[in-house]
Amino acid sequence: MSIATIEQAAVETRGHEKYDRLIVAAQALPRLQVAVVHPCDAATLGAALEASALGIVEPILVGPLGKIAAAAAALDADIGAFRLVDAGHSHEAAQKAVALVRAGEAESLMKGSLHTDELMAAVVRRDGGLRTARRVSHCFVMDVPGHPTPLIITDAAVNIAPPLEEKRDITQNAIDLAQALGVESVRVAILSATESINAKMPSTLDAAALCKMADRGQITGGILDGPLALDNAIDPEAARIKKIHSPVAGQANVLVVPDLEAGNMLAKSLTFLARADAAGIVLGARVPIILTSRADSRLTRLASCAVASLFAAAQRACRPLPEV
């Protein structure tokens, strides 16, 4: 047997214990009422139906009824038991799904076969949207083979080049998510290309400022350190060689990236080179938003639903974010 064959067999047989635990935890909670926006392809509709069968969500299917029916027929699935909300096109589907949340009829949104920009435009509208006082941001909850714990990477999908004040919200959103997932000690690495502060590298200055903001109580619930390079953020030996002594270096479970480009490349490198899975969720709005990609696996989509359910349960247990 060739080395390539052995490696491929290892990939195919590896477990998904981290995601399996999330799914089991979500199954113990009340079903999450999810407005699925424009579920007109087999992948999105199939994930919603499977998450429903597992007892994680109660989907409300929002979109053109003919296209939803065609997607269900392609799956040979019966959707007669689910609530359907007709919408003429994807923009209208996003608006109607947001309206369901505002009316208290849904606790989460799930992206279907529409562009992320279409969905988020309806979410962040000042009139009739789901804005809060917190900046909306995206988190990947990544199951990386060989890494002992899930890694939260933020922001890799919403905020392109966030300034310091937005990075504060991005960091706080990620800490809140980690706590909702049951992480006892949230260790946040503010990433850059180096662990030294360099005035010519703005991301190192932002990292230092975020750490001081945490010291002053402007960011709560986690232990921050930065700037840190990726190696000394997640590898204890790299941190030891660099002589970095902190409760975060070498054992971070939240990675805050400098900008969307860095985060997107980091997440996709882990997905396509390290065979990691990447469950996606948007936070900072009135409800969690399940944001998946057309390339996502079945398990990744289910894990995204589980993450949203766990976060929504944490929201119910505390005061919601103030609206704006």
Protein backbone atom coordinates (compact mmCIF):
# COMPACT_ATOMS: atom_id res chain seq x y z
CA MET A 1 0.00 0.00 0.00
CA SER A 2 1.39 3.42 -0.96
CA ILE A 3 1.97 6.25 1.52
CA ALA A 4 -0.67 8.30 -0.29
CA THR A 5 -3.21 5.48 0.12
CA ILE A 6 -2.43 5.13 3.82
CA GLU A 7 -2.80 8.88 4.35
CA GLN A 8 -6.11 8.96 2.48
CA ALA A 9 -7.41 6.02 4.53
CA ALA A 10 -6.50 7.88 7.71
CA VAL A 11 -8.42 10.93 6.52
CA GLU A 12 -11.48 8.88 5.63
CA THR A 13 -11.57 6.97 8.92
CA ARG A 14 -10.73 9.75 11.34
CA GLY A 15 -13.38 10.59 13.89
CA HIS A 16 -15.29 13.80 14.37
CA GLU A 17 -15.45 13.65 18.15
CA LYS A 18 -15.43 17.43 18.63
CA TYR A 19 -18.42 17.99 16.35
CA ASP A 20 -20.17 14.85 17.60
CA ARG A 21 -20.03 16.26 21.13
CA LEU A 22 -21.56 19.55 19.95
CA ILE A 23 -24.40 17.73 18.20
CA VAL A 24 -25.14 15.57 21.25
CA ALA A 25 -25.17 18.66 23.49
CA ALA A 26 -27.59 20.44 21.13
CA GLN A 27 -29.90 17.41 21.07
CA ALA A 28 -30.38 17.82 24.82
CA LEU A 29 -31.81 21.33 24.30
CA PRO A 30 -35.25 22.44 23.06
CA ARG A 31 -35.41 22.52 19.27
CA LEU A 32 -34.16 25.79 17.81
CA GLN A 33 -36.75 27.58 15.68
CA VAL A 34 -34.77 28.36 12.52
CA ALA A 35 -35.94 30.40 9.53
CA VAL A 36 -34.10 28.77 6.60
CA VAL A 37 -33.64 31.47 3.97
CA HIS A 38 -34.16 30.40 0.34
CA PRO A 39 -33.55 26.62 0.81
CA CYS A 40 -33.73 25.94 -2.91
CA ASP A 41 -30.84 23.51 -3.24
CA ALA A 42 -30.51 19.94 -2.02
CA ALA A 43 -27.53 20.64 0.26
CA THR A 44 -29.19 23.38 2.33
CA LEU A 45 -32.62 21.78 2.47
CA GLY A 46 -31.12 18.39 3.24
CA ALA A 47 -29.08 19.76 6.13
CA ALA A 48 -32.12 21.51 7.61
CA LEU A 49 -34.21 18.36 7.33
CA GLU A 50 -31.50 16.18 8.84
CA ALA A 51 -30.93 18.62 11.71
CA SER A 52 -34.67 18.45 12.29
CA ALA A 53 -34.63 14.64 12.25
CA LEU A 54 -31.86 14.71 14.86
CA GLY A 55 -33.98 16.93 17.09
CA ILE A 56 -31.70 19.99 16.87
CA VAL A 57 -33.88 22.46 14.94
CA GLU A 58 -37.45 23.12 13.89
CA PRO A 59 -37.05 24.64 10.41
CA ILE A 60 -39.31 27.23 8.83
CA LEU A 61 -38.69 27.13 5.08
CA VAL A 62 -38.77 30.62 3.54
CA GLY A 63 -38.54 31.04 -0.22
CA PRO A 64 -40.24 30.33 -3.57
CA LEU A 65 -42.48 27.36 -2.83
CA GLY A 66 -41.98 25.81 -6.27
CA LYS A 67 -38.21 25.82 -5.96
CA ILE A 68 -38.35 24.45 -2.41
CA ALA A 69 -40.65 21.67 -3.59
CA ALA A 70 -38.26 20.86 -6.44
CA ALA A 71 -35.33 20.64 -4.00
CA ALA A 72 -37.39 18.35 -1.77
CA ALA A 73 -38.28 16.17 -4.75
CA ALA A 74 -34.60 15.86 -5.65
CA LEU A 75 -34.01 14.58 -2.12
CA ASP A 76 -37.13 12.39 -2.21
CA ALA A 77 -38.09 14.17 1.02
CA ASP A 78 -41.53 14.94 2.43
CA ILE A 79 -41.74 18.55 3.67
CA GLY A 80 -45.47 18.47 4.36
CA ALA A 81 -44.95 18.67 8.13
CA PHE A 82 -42.91 21.87 7.99
CA ARG A 83 -44.04 25.46 7.97
CA LEU A 84 -43.56 27.10 4.56
CA VAL A 85 -43.41 30.85 3.94
CA ASP A 86 -43.67 31.84 0.29
CA ALA A 87 -41.30 34.47 -1.11
CA GLY A 88 -40.91 35.48 -4.71
CA HIS A 89 -37.10 35.69 -4.72
CA SER A 90 -34.05 35.53 -2.47
CA HIS A 91 -34.20 39.20 -1.38
CA GLU A 92 -37.80 38.81 -0.28
CA ALA A 93 -36.96 35.53 1.45
CA ALA A 94 -34.27 37.28 3.52
CA GLN A 95 -36.66 40.08 4.47
CA LYS A 96 -39.44 37.69 5.45
CA ALA A 97 -37.07 35.53 7.49
CA VAL A 98 -35.86 38.61 9.40
CA ALA A 99 -39.49 39.58 9.98
CA LEU A 100 -40.13 36.14 11.52
CA VAL A 101 -37.35 36.79 14.01
CA ARG A 102 -38.64 40.25 14.85
CA ALA A 103 -42.10 38.75 15.42
CA GLY A 104 -40.65 36.19 17.85
CA GLU A 105 -41.47 33.26 15.56
CA ALA A 106 -37.84 32.26 14.89
CA GLU A 107 -34.73 32.20 17.08
CA SER A 108 -32.14 31.88 14.34
CA LEU A 109 -31.55 32.29 10.62
CA MET A 110 -29.92 29.78 8.28
CA LYS A 111 -28.43 30.78 4.93
CA GLY A 112 -29.69 28.84 1.95
CA SER A 113 -28.94 29.20 -1.76
CA LEU A 114 -28.46 32.97 -1.80
CA HIS A 115 -25.46 35.24 -1.54
CA THR A 116 -24.23 36.06 1.95
CA ASP A 117 -24.48 39.78 1.11
CA GLU A 118 -28.19 39.41 0.37
CA LEU A 119 -28.89 37.81 3.73
CA MET A 120 -26.67 40.15 5.74
CA ALA A 121 -28.14 43.24 4.06
CA ALA A 122 -31.55 42.30 5.49
CA VAL A 123 -30.00 41.56 8.90
CA VAL A 124 -28.10 44.84 9.32
CA ARG A 125 -30.79 47.21 7.97
CA ARG A 126 -31.30 50.10 10.37
CA ASP A 127 -35.05 49.97 9.79
CA GLY A 128 -36.52 46.51 10.31
CA GLY A 129 -33.27 44.57 10.64
CA LEU A 130 -31.70 42.67 13.53
CA ARG A 131 -28.96 45.10 14.55
CA THR A 132 -27.77 45.41 18.14
CA ALA A 133 -25.22 47.65 19.81
CA ARG A 134 -22.60 45.01 19.00
CA ARG A 135 -20.79 44.74 15.65
CA VAL A 136 -21.88 41.69 13.64
CA SER A 137 -19.05 39.22 13.06
CA HIS A 138 -18.41 35.69 11.83
CA CYS A 139 -16.80 32.78 13.66
CA PHE A 140 -15.54 29.47 12.32
CA VAL A 141 -15.64 26.67 14.88
CA MET A 142 -12.99 24.38 13.42
CA ASP A 143 -12.41 20.68 14.06
CA VAL A 144 -8.74 20.28 13.10
CA PRO A 145 -7.39 16.70 12.95
CA GLY A 146 -4.69 16.20 15.55
CA HIS A 147 -5.60 19.32 17.52
CA PRO A 148 -7.10 18.46 20.92
CA THR A 149 -9.80 21.14 21.08
CA PRO A 150 -11.97 23.07 18.62
CA LEU A 151 -10.47 26.32 17.34
CA ILE A 152 -12.59 29.44 16.94
CA ILE A 153 -11.30 31.69 14.13
CA THR A 154 -12.70 35.19 13.68
CA ASP A 155 -13.47 37.13 11.50
CA ALA A 156 -13.12 35.35 8.17
CA ALA A 157 -16.37 36.20 6.38
CA VAL A 158 -18.03 39.50 7.32
CA ASN A 159 -15.68 42.34 8.36
CA ILE A 160 -13.06 43.04 5.69
CA ALA A 161 -10.59 45.35 7.45
CA PRO A 162 -11.99 46.07 10.90
CA PRO A 163 -10.62 49.00 12.92
CA LEU A 164 -9.81 48.61 16.61
CA GLU A 165 -13.29 49.36 17.93
CA GLU A 166 -14.78 46.68 15.64
CA LYS A 167 -12.09 44.20 16.63
CA ARG A 168 -13.21 44.70 20.22
CA ASP A 169 -16.71 43.48 19.29
CA ILE A 170 -15.32 40.70 17.10
CA THR A 171 -13.25 39.46 20.04
CA GLN A 172 -16.13 39.72 22.51
CA ASN A 173 -18.46 37.84 20.16
CA ALA A 174 -15.93 35.00 19.92
CA ILE A 175 -15.50 34.85 23.69
CA ASP A 176 -19.26 34.72 24.17
CA LEU A 177 -19.44 31.86 21.67
CA ALA A 178 -16.66 29.91 23.38
CA GLN A 179 -18.44 30.25 26.70
CA ALA A 180 -21.72 29.08 25.13
CA LEU A 181 -19.89 25.99 23.84
CA GLY A 182 -18.76 25.17 27.36
CA VAL A 183 -15.12 26.27 27.12
CA GLU A 184 -14.02 26.73 30.73
CA SER A 185 -10.96 28.87 30.06
CA VAL A 186 -11.25 31.02 26.94
CA ARG A 187 -7.70 31.79 25.75
CA VAL A 188 -7.65 34.39 22.99
CA ALA A 189 -4.65 34.93 20.73
CA ILE A 190 -4.63 38.19 18.78
CA LEU A 191 -2.72 37.12 15.67
CA SER A 192 -0.14 38.96 13.61
CA ALA A 193 2.99 37.93 11.71
CA THR A 194 5.15 38.41 14.79
CA GLU A 195 4.92 38.37 18.56
CA SER A 196 6.74 41.70 18.83
CA ILE A 197 5.06 45.10 18.64
CA ASN A 198 6.11 46.87 15.45
CA ALA A 199 4.86 50.38 14.73
CA LYS A 200 5.07 49.66 10.99
CA MET A 201 2.70 46.69 11.40
CA PRO A 202 -0.71 48.05 12.56
CA SER A 203 -2.04 44.60 13.52
CA THR A 204 0.55 44.39 16.30
CA LEU A 205 -0.59 47.74 17.70
CA ASP A 206 -4.23 46.64 17.59
CA ALA A 207 -3.28 43.42 19.39
CA ALA A 208 -1.56 45.30 22.18
CA ALA A 209 -4.51 47.69 22.51
CA LEU A 210 -7.03 44.84 22.68
CA CYS A 211 -5.05 43.19 25.47
CA LYS A 212 -5.05 46.46 27.44
CA MET A 213 -8.78 46.83 26.79
CA ALA A 214 -9.24 43.42 28.39
CA ASP A 215 -7.16 44.57 31.36
CA ARG A 216 -9.53 47.54 31.75
CA GLY A 217 -12.69 45.44 31.53
CA GLN A 218 -13.68 46.56 28.03
CA ILE A 219 -13.45 42.93 26.90
CA THR A 220 -14.61 40.30 29.37
CA GLY A 221 -14.78 36.55 29.83
CA GLY A 222 -11.46 35.57 28.25
CA ILE A 223 -7.70 35.73 28.71
CA LEU A 224 -6.05 37.74 25.91
CA ASP A 225 -2.50 37.84 24.62
CA GLY A 226 -1.03 39.41 21.53
CA PRO A 227 0.44 40.03 19.20
CA LEU A 228 1.17 36.36 18.66
CA ALA A 229 2.21 34.58 15.48
CA LEU A 230 0.13 31.52 14.62
CA ASP A 231 2.84 29.03 15.59
CA ASN A 232 3.42 30.39 19.07
CA ALA A 233 -0.33 30.85 19.59
CA ILE A 234 -1.22 27.17 19.17
CA ASP A 235 2.03 25.20 19.57
CA PRO A 236 3.55 24.96 23.08
CA GLU A 237 7.00 24.08 21.73
CA ALA A 238 7.04 27.11 19.43
CA ALA A 239 6.10 29.32 22.37
CA ARG A 240 8.84 27.75 24.49
CA ILE A 241 11.49 28.29 21.82
CA LYS A 242 10.44 31.93 21.45
CA LYS A 243 10.49 32.28 25.27
CA ILE A 244 6.92 33.56 25.37
CA HIS A 245 5.43 33.06 28.81
CA SER A 246 1.68 33.60 29.09
CA PRO A 247 -1.47 31.56 29.83
CA VAL A 248 -2.42 31.89 26.14
CA ALA A 249 0.77 31.20 24.14
CA GLY A 250 0.83 27.65 22.84
CA GLN A 251 -2.71 26.85 23.97
CA ALA A 252 -5.06 29.41 22.42
CA ASN A 253 -8.57 28.23 21.62
CA VAL A 254 -9.73 31.50 20.00
CA LEU A 255 -7.75 33.08 17.16
CA VAL A 256 -8.53 36.71 16.25
CA VAL A 257 -7.07 37.49 12.83
CA PRO A 258 -5.98 40.93 11.55
CA ASP A 259 -8.49 41.05 8.68
CA LEU A 260 -10.87 38.99 6.58
CA GLU A 261 -8.23 38.01 4.02
CA ALA A 262 -5.95 36.51 6.66
CA GLY A 263 -8.83 34.73 8.37
CA ASN A 264 -10.30 33.34 5.18
CA MET A 265 -6.94 31.99 4.02
CA LEU A 266 -6.20 30.51 7.45
CA ALA A 267 -9.57 28.75 7.66
CA LYS A 268 -9.45 27.45 4.09
CA SER A 269 -5.84 26.29 4.50
CA LEU A 270 -6.91 24.21 7.48
CA THR A 271 -9.94 22.91 5.58
CA PHE A 272 -8.26 21.92 2.33
CA LEU A 273 -4.73 21.07 3.49
CA ALA A 274 -5.30 19.75 7.01
CA ARG A 275 -8.76 18.27 6.28
CA ALA A 276 -10.38 20.34 9.02
CA ASP A 277 -14.12 20.94 9.21
CA ALA A 278 -15.37 24.51 9.62
CA ALA A 279 -18.77 25.16 11.17
CA GLY A 280 -19.82 28.77 10.53
CA ILE A 281 -21.95 31.17 12.55
CA VAL A 282 -22.56 34.93 12.59
CA LEU A 283 -22.98 36.65 15.97
CA GLY A 284 -23.74 40.16 17.18
CA ALA A 285 -27.25 40.30 15.72
CA ARG A 286 -30.40 39.65 17.75
CA VAL A 287 -30.12 35.94 16.89
CA PRO A 288 -27.34 33.62 15.71
CA ILE A 289 -27.08 33.16 11.95
CA ILE A 290 -26.01 29.81 10.52
CA LEU A 291 -23.71 30.65 7.63
CA THR A 292 -22.49 27.70 5.60
CA SER A 293 -20.73 27.32 2.27
CA ARG A 294 -21.78 25.31 -0.75
CA ALA A 295 -18.54 23.32 -0.30
CA ASP A 296 -19.34 22.36 3.31
CA SER A 297 -19.79 18.74 4.26
CA ARG A 298 -22.96 17.30 5.74
CA LEU A 299 -21.36 17.08 9.18
CA THR A 300 -20.17 20.69 9.01
CA ARG A 301 -23.70 21.88 8.27
CA LEU A 302 -25.11 19.85 11.17
CA ALA A 303 -22.40 21.15 13.48
CA SER A 304 -23.24 24.73 12.46
CA CYS A 305 -26.86 24.09 13.47
CA ALA A 306 -25.66 22.65 16.78
CA VAL A 307 -23.43 25.66 17.46
CA ALA A 308 -26.35 28.03 16.80
CA SER A 309 -28.58 26.01 19.15
CA LEU A 310 -26.02 26.12 21.95
CA PHE A 311 -25.45 29.84 21.49
CA ALA A 312 -29.19 30.59 21.42
CA ALA A 313 -29.59 28.62 24.66
CA ALA A 314 -26.87 30.75 26.26
CA GLN A 315 -28.66 33.89 25.03
CA ARG A 316 -31.89 32.76 26.63
CA ALA A 317 -30.10 32.37 29.95
CA CYS A 318 -28.77 35.93 29.98
CA ARG A 319 -29.93 39.37 28.93
CA PRO A 320 -29.96 39.87 25.13
CA LEU A 321 -27.79 42.51 23.49
CA PRO A 322 -29.37 45.97 23.41
CA GLU A 323 -30.87 46.97 20.08
CA VAL A 324 -29.96 50.09 18.14
